[in-house]
C-alpha atoms as a PDB file:
ATOM      1  CA  MET A   1     -21.893  -2.360   5.162  1.00  0.00           C
ATOM      2  CA  ALA A   2     -18.208  -1.324   5.100  1.00  0.00           C
ATOM      3  CA  ALA A   3     -16.977  -4.706   6.270  1.00  0.00           C
ATOM      4  CA  GLU A   4     -18.897  -6.452   3.509  1.00  0.00           C
ATOM      5  CA  SER A   5     -17.993  -4.013   0.756  1.00  0.00           C
ATOM      6  CA  ASP A   6     -15.288  -4.596  -1.813  1.00  0.00           C
ATOM      7  CA  SER A   7     -15.934  -1.235  -3.473  1.00  0.00           C
ATOM      8  CA  ASP A   8     -13.816   1.877  -3.062  1.00  0.00           C
ATOM      9  CA  SER A   9     -14.392   4.473  -0.344  1.00  0.00           C
ATOM     10  CA  GLN A  10     -16.290   6.888  -2.556  1.00  0.00           C
ATOM     11  CA  GLU A  11     -18.670   4.227  -3.827  1.00  0.00           C
ATOM     12  CA  LEU A  12     -19.263   3.033  -0.270  1.00  0.00           C
ATOM     13  CA  TRP A  13     -19.942   6.586   0.909  1.00  0.00           C
ATOM     14  CA  ASP A  14     -22.317   7.120  -2.010  1.00  0.00           C
ATOM     15  CA  ARG A  15     -24.247   4.009  -0.930  1.00  0.00           C
ATOM     16  CA  ILE A  16     -24.322   5.184   2.689  1.00  0.00           C
ATOM     17  CA  SER A  17     -25.429   8.678   1.646  1.00  0.00           C
ATOM     18  CA  GLN A  18     -28.497   7.359  -0.170  1.00  0.00           C
ATOM     19  CA  ASP A  19     -30.233   6.918   3.189  1.00  0.00           C
ATOM     20  CA  ASP A  20     -30.180  10.029   5.403  1.00  0.00           C
ATOM     21  CA  TYR A  21     -30.642   7.975   8.570  1.00  0.00           C
ATOM     22  CA  VAL A  22     -27.705   5.678   7.756  1.00  0.00           C
ATOM     23  CA  LYS A  23     -25.544   8.650   6.774  1.00  0.00           C
ATOM     24  CA  TYR A  24     -26.359  10.466  10.031  1.00  0.00           C
ATOM     25  CA  SER A  25     -25.645   7.293  12.030  1.00  0.00           C
ATOM     26  CA  VAL A  26     -22.279   6.746  10.359  1.00  0.00           C
ATOM     27  CA  VAL A  27     -21.232  10.363  10.927  1.00  0.00           C
ATOM     28  CA  GLN A  28     -22.325  10.251  14.577  1.00  0.00           C
ATOM     29  CA  CYS A  29     -20.478   6.968  15.158  1.00  0.00           C
ATOM     30  CA  PHE A  30     -17.376   8.423  13.552  1.00  0.00           C
ATOM     31  CA  TYR A  31     -17.385  11.460  15.864  1.00  0.00           C
ATOM     32  CA  THR A  32     -18.165   9.325  18.907  1.00  0.00           C
ATOM     33  CA  ILE A  33     -15.180   7.121  18.118  1.00  0.00           C
ATOM     34  CA  LYS A  34     -13.061  10.280  17.792  1.00  0.00           C
ATOM     35  CA  LEU A  35     -14.072  11.353  21.301  1.00  0.00           C
ATOM     36  CA  ILE A  36     -13.367   7.911  22.739  1.00  0.00           C
ATOM     37  CA  LEU A  37      -9.978   7.741  21.031  1.00  0.00           C
ATOM     38  CA  ALA A  38      -9.128  11.212  22.360  1.00  0.00           C
ATOM     39  CA  LEU A  39     -10.163  10.341  25.909  1.00  0.00           C
ATOM     40  CA  VAL A  40      -8.410   6.996  25.992  1.00  0.00           C
ATOM     41  CA  PHE A  41      -5.277   7.522  23.901  1.00  0.00           C
ATOM     42  CA  ASP A  42      -4.466  11.209  23.650  1.00  0.00           C
ATOM     43  CA  LYS A  43      -1.960  11.269  26.460  1.00  0.00           C
ATOM     44  CA  ASP A  44       0.590  10.541  23.740  1.00  0.00           C
ATOM     45  CA  GLY A  45      -1.431  11.909  20.796  1.00  0.00           C
ATOM     46  CA  LYS A  46      -2.179   8.523  19.215  1.00  0.00           C
ATOM     47  CA  GLY A  47      -5.951   8.891  19.406  1.00  0.00           C
ATOM     48  CA  GLU A  48      -5.925  12.081  17.368  1.00  0.00           C
ATOM     49  CA  ARG A  49      -3.389  10.556  14.999  1.00  0.00           C
ATOM     50  CA  ILE A  50      -5.557   7.470  14.372  1.00  0.00           C
ATOM     51  CA  TYR A  51      -8.553   9.717  13.706  1.00  0.00           C
ATOM     52  CA  GLU A  52      -6.522  11.937  11.332  1.00  0.00           C
ATOM     53  CA  ASP A  53      -5.276   8.865   9.480  1.00  0.00           C
ATOM     54  CA  ILE A  54      -8.830   7.604   9.033  1.00  0.00           C
ATOM     55  CA  LEU A  55      -9.878  11.013   7.658  1.00  0.00           C
ATOM     56  CA  SER A  56      -6.855  11.092   5.362  1.00  0.00           C
ATOM     57  CA  SER A  57      -7.570   7.586   4.071  1.00  0.00           C
ATOM     58  CA  LEU A  58     -11.186   8.508   3.434  1.00  0.00           C
ATOM     59  CA  GLY A  59     -10.074  11.624   1.556  1.00  0.00           C
ATOM     60  CA  LYS A  60      -7.550   9.710  -0.550  1.00  0.00           C
ATOM     61  CA  GLY A  61      -9.936   6.822  -1.130  1.00  0.00           C
ATOM     62  CA  THR A  62      -7.496   4.327   0.395  1.00  0.00           C
ATOM     63  CA  VAL A  63      -9.438   3.322   3.486  1.00  0.00           C
ATOM     64  CA  GLN A  64      -9.736  -0.302   2.294  1.00  0.00           C
ATOM     65  CA  LEU A  65      -5.944  -0.464   1.921  1.00  0.00           C
ATOM     66  CA  ASP A  66      -5.087   1.319   5.168  1.00  0.00           C
ATOM     67  CA  PHE A  67      -7.612  -0.408   7.418  1.00  0.00           C
ATOM     68  CA  GLN A  68      -9.070  -3.882   7.611  1.00  0.00           C
ATOM     69  CA  LEU A  69     -12.764  -3.006   7.514  1.00  0.00           C
ATOM     70  CA  LYS A  70     -13.726  -6.623   8.136  1.00  0.00           C
ATOM     71  CA  LYS A  71     -12.434  -6.066  11.687  1.00  0.00           C
ATOM     72  CA  LEU A  72     -14.918  -3.244  12.401  1.00  0.00           C
ATOM     73  CA  ALA A  73     -17.151  -5.611  14.377  1.00  0.00           C
ATOM     74  CA  LEU A  74     -14.231  -6.354  16.703  1.00  0.00           C
ATOM     75  CA  ILE A  75     -13.546  -2.633  17.176  1.00  0.00           C
ATOM     76  CA  ILE A  76     -17.217  -1.975  17.916  1.00  0.00           C
ATOM     77  CA  GLN A  77     -17.176  -4.807  20.455  1.00  0.00           C
ATOM     78  CA  LYS A  78     -14.114  -3.305  22.194  1.00  0.00           C
ATOM     79  CA  VAL A  79     -15.623   0.207  22.211  1.00  0.00           C
ATOM     80  CA  THR A  80     -18.868  -1.175  23.643  1.00  0.00           C
ATOM     81  CA  SER A  81     -16.946  -2.978  26.358  1.00  0.00           C
ATOM     82  CA  LEU A  82     -14.982   0.150  27.244  1.00  0.00           C
ATOM     83  CA  THR A  83     -18.021   2.428  27.332  1.00  0.00           C
ATOM     84  CA  GLY A  84     -19.862  -0.113  29.496  1.00  0.00           C
ATOM     85  CA  ILE A  85     -17.054   0.040  32.040  1.00  0.00           C
ATOM     86  CA  LEU A  86     -16.771   3.842  31.865  1.00  0.00           C
ATOM     87  CA  LYS A  87     -20.433   4.335  32.735  1.00  0.00           C
ATOM     88  CA  GLU A  88     -20.146   2.219  35.907  1.00  0.00           C
ATOM     89  CA  VAL A  89     -19.992   4.300  39.088  1.00  0.00           C
ATOM     90  CA  GLY A  90     -18.771   3.294  42.528  1.00  0.00           C
ATOM     91  CA  ILE A  91     -17.172  -0.001  41.541  1.00  0.00           C
ATOM     92  CA  PRO A  92     -13.678  -0.468  43.024  1.00  0.00           C
ATOM     93  CA  GLU A  93     -12.451  -2.568  40.070  1.00  0.00           C
ATOM     94  CA  ARG A  94     -13.463   0.128  37.577  1.00  0.00           C
ATOM     95  CA  LYS A  95      -9.959   1.588  37.167  1.00  0.00           C
ATOM     96  CA  THR A  96      -8.456  -1.808  36.362  1.00  0.00           C
ATOM     97  CA  GLY A  97     -11.338  -2.534  34.000  1.00  0.00           C
ATOM     98  CA  GLU A  98     -10.845   0.819  32.246  1.00  0.00           C
ATOM     99  CA  ILE A  99      -7.152   0.164  31.753  1.00  0.00           C
ATOM    100  CA  ASN A 100      -7.673  -3.384  30.477  1.00  0.00           C
ATOM    101  CA  ALA A 101     -10.536  -2.389  28.158  1.00  0.00           C
ATOM    102  CA  GLY A 102      -8.530   0.583  26.856  1.00  0.00           C
ATOM    103  CA  LEU A 103      -5.529  -1.631  26.156  1.00  0.00           C
ATOM    104  CA  ASP A 104      -7.774  -4.202  24.459  1.00  0.00           C
ATOM    105  CA  LEU A 105      -9.218  -1.471  22.236  1.00  0.00           C
ATOM    106  CA  TYR A 106      -5.759  -0.120  21.439  1.00  0.00           C
ATOM    107  CA  ASP A 107      -4.459  -3.596  20.580  1.00  0.00           C
ATOM    108  CA  ALA A 108      -7.499  -4.301  18.396  1.00  0.00           C
ATOM    109  CA  ILE A 109      -6.985  -1.024  16.536  1.00  0.00           C
ATOM    110  CA  MET A 110      -3.237  -1.423  16.102  1.00  0.00           C
ATOM    111  CA  LEU A 111      -2.998  -5.174  15.494  1.00  0.00           C
ATOM    112  CA  ASP A 112      -6.298  -6.053  13.835  1.00  0.00           C
ATOM    113  CA  PHE A 113      -7.787  -2.920  12.259  1.00  0.00           C
ATOM    114  CA  CYS A 114      -4.747  -1.004  10.955  1.00  0.00           C
ATOM    115  CA  SER A 115      -2.791  -2.307   7.988  1.00  0.00           C
ATOM    116  CA  ALA A 116       0.897  -3.053   8.508  1.00  0.00           C
ATOM    117  CA  ASN A 117       1.837   0.224   6.814  1.00  0.00           C
ATOM    118  CA  MET A 118      -0.569   2.208   9.002  1.00  0.00           C
ATOM    119  CA  ARG A 119       0.782   0.515  12.168  1.00  0.00           C
ATOM    120  CA  PHE A 120       4.292   1.503  11.130  1.00  0.00           C
ATOM    121  CA  GLN A 121       3.243   5.120  10.593  1.00  0.00           C
ATOM    122  CA  LEU A 122       1.526   5.299  13.976  1.00  0.00           C
ATOM    123  CA  GLN A 123       4.457   3.660  15.741  1.00  0.00           C
ATOM    124  CA  PHE A 124       6.943   5.940  13.976  1.00  0.00           C
ATOM    125  CA  THR A 125       4.917   9.027  14.911  1.00  0.00           C
ATOM    126  CA  GLY A 126       4.719   7.859  18.525  1.00  0.00           C
ATOM    127  CA  ASP A 127       8.475   7.260  18.658  1.00  0.00           C
ATOM    128  CA  CYS A 128       9.152  10.713  17.169  1.00  0.00           C
ATOM    129  CA  ASN A 129       6.808  12.370  19.665  1.00  0.00           C
ATOM    130  CA  GLU A 130       8.470  10.516  22.531  1.00  0.00           C
ATOM    131  CA  SER A 131      11.921  11.632  21.375  1.00  0.00           C
ATOM    132  CA  ALA A 132      10.766  15.244  21.004  1.00  0.00           C
ATOM    133  CA  ASN A 133       9.269  15.223  24.508  1.00  0.00           C
ATOM    134  CA  ARG A 134      12.560  13.992  25.983  1.00  0.00           C
ATOM    135  CA  SER A 135      14.540  16.785  24.297  1.00  0.00           C
END
């Protein structure tokens, strides 16, 4: 629905909220993505930062400017791939698969899903955090 919508964030949310099942599903997906981002990327704080930026964009009504919603299907595909690998037990190649799937998800988020301005903000924040940790 979001990928096909040209309307603003509030109008999109109003449409989603008309159906309780859809609203519940969207909220649950959002929190699941938050957990995955935290588990995969929060060594350097980027997962929490991406999540906060999504919340901020939703609050400001700029989500269509900050993120390329047409790329949501790609993000969902990458998350599905990662979760499929994470649920595997006893497979020697799992660690390599986790790393590759995590990097694929990160690249899809940074290069495909985030706008150029959002990528800059995330990169700048990461650089600042890295500098602070070295001090």
